[in-house]
């Protein structure tokens, strides 16, 4: 969860499951100039859902590590998610949401399918970058419709999260925690916001925070 001193972006991620086997997965890839945040939420709080989410992360990471791609090429991002949709359907892996965002000096560019969110949070509130992303059909259905989003360089903290957070915690509480200076502690604290009185969580939760170093 830590960022090396020579990387320009601080990042932190955390996730937990509502049951013995959660289906939310998070990953952050670093390059010399960028951080790429990836999040997925497999259908069903089960090993099958987890496998579908892991497959989404694996495909994205393999592609981005192996093929040169411009960090603002959202058309290519959507093509990648469409490929993953077909691959999961062909292999009968299951269905999952999928969302990733490249944060670089160019700004924030990404693409997604499903109800994971990407918010750019600052002192005034938040901007929902994924407001226009189609929630269904999901990756693995064979008919997903990936949507892209873009934002020029803008100060703030980027939050990617699954529906286990934003459906069960107030937006102002989420933003207040995401603004805290200690990013790793903030990611861990976000997991506690939706907890029930019993101490359990109503759904799986996955979160990623990204902030420019020194901001």
Foldseek 3Di string as FASTA:
>chain_A
DADDPQFFKGKAKDWDFLDPAAQKDWDWDTDNFKIKIKIKHAPDRDVLSNQLRVLLVVQVVVPPVPDDDDLAPQVVQQVSLLVQLVVLQVVVSGFMKIKMWIDGQQFIKIKIEADKWKWFADPVAIDTQCPPHYRDDTRNPNDTGMDMGTDGDDAGKIKTKDCLQPVQADRVVLRVLLPDPPNHVSNVVSVQRRADPVRGGPGIMIMMIMHGPPD
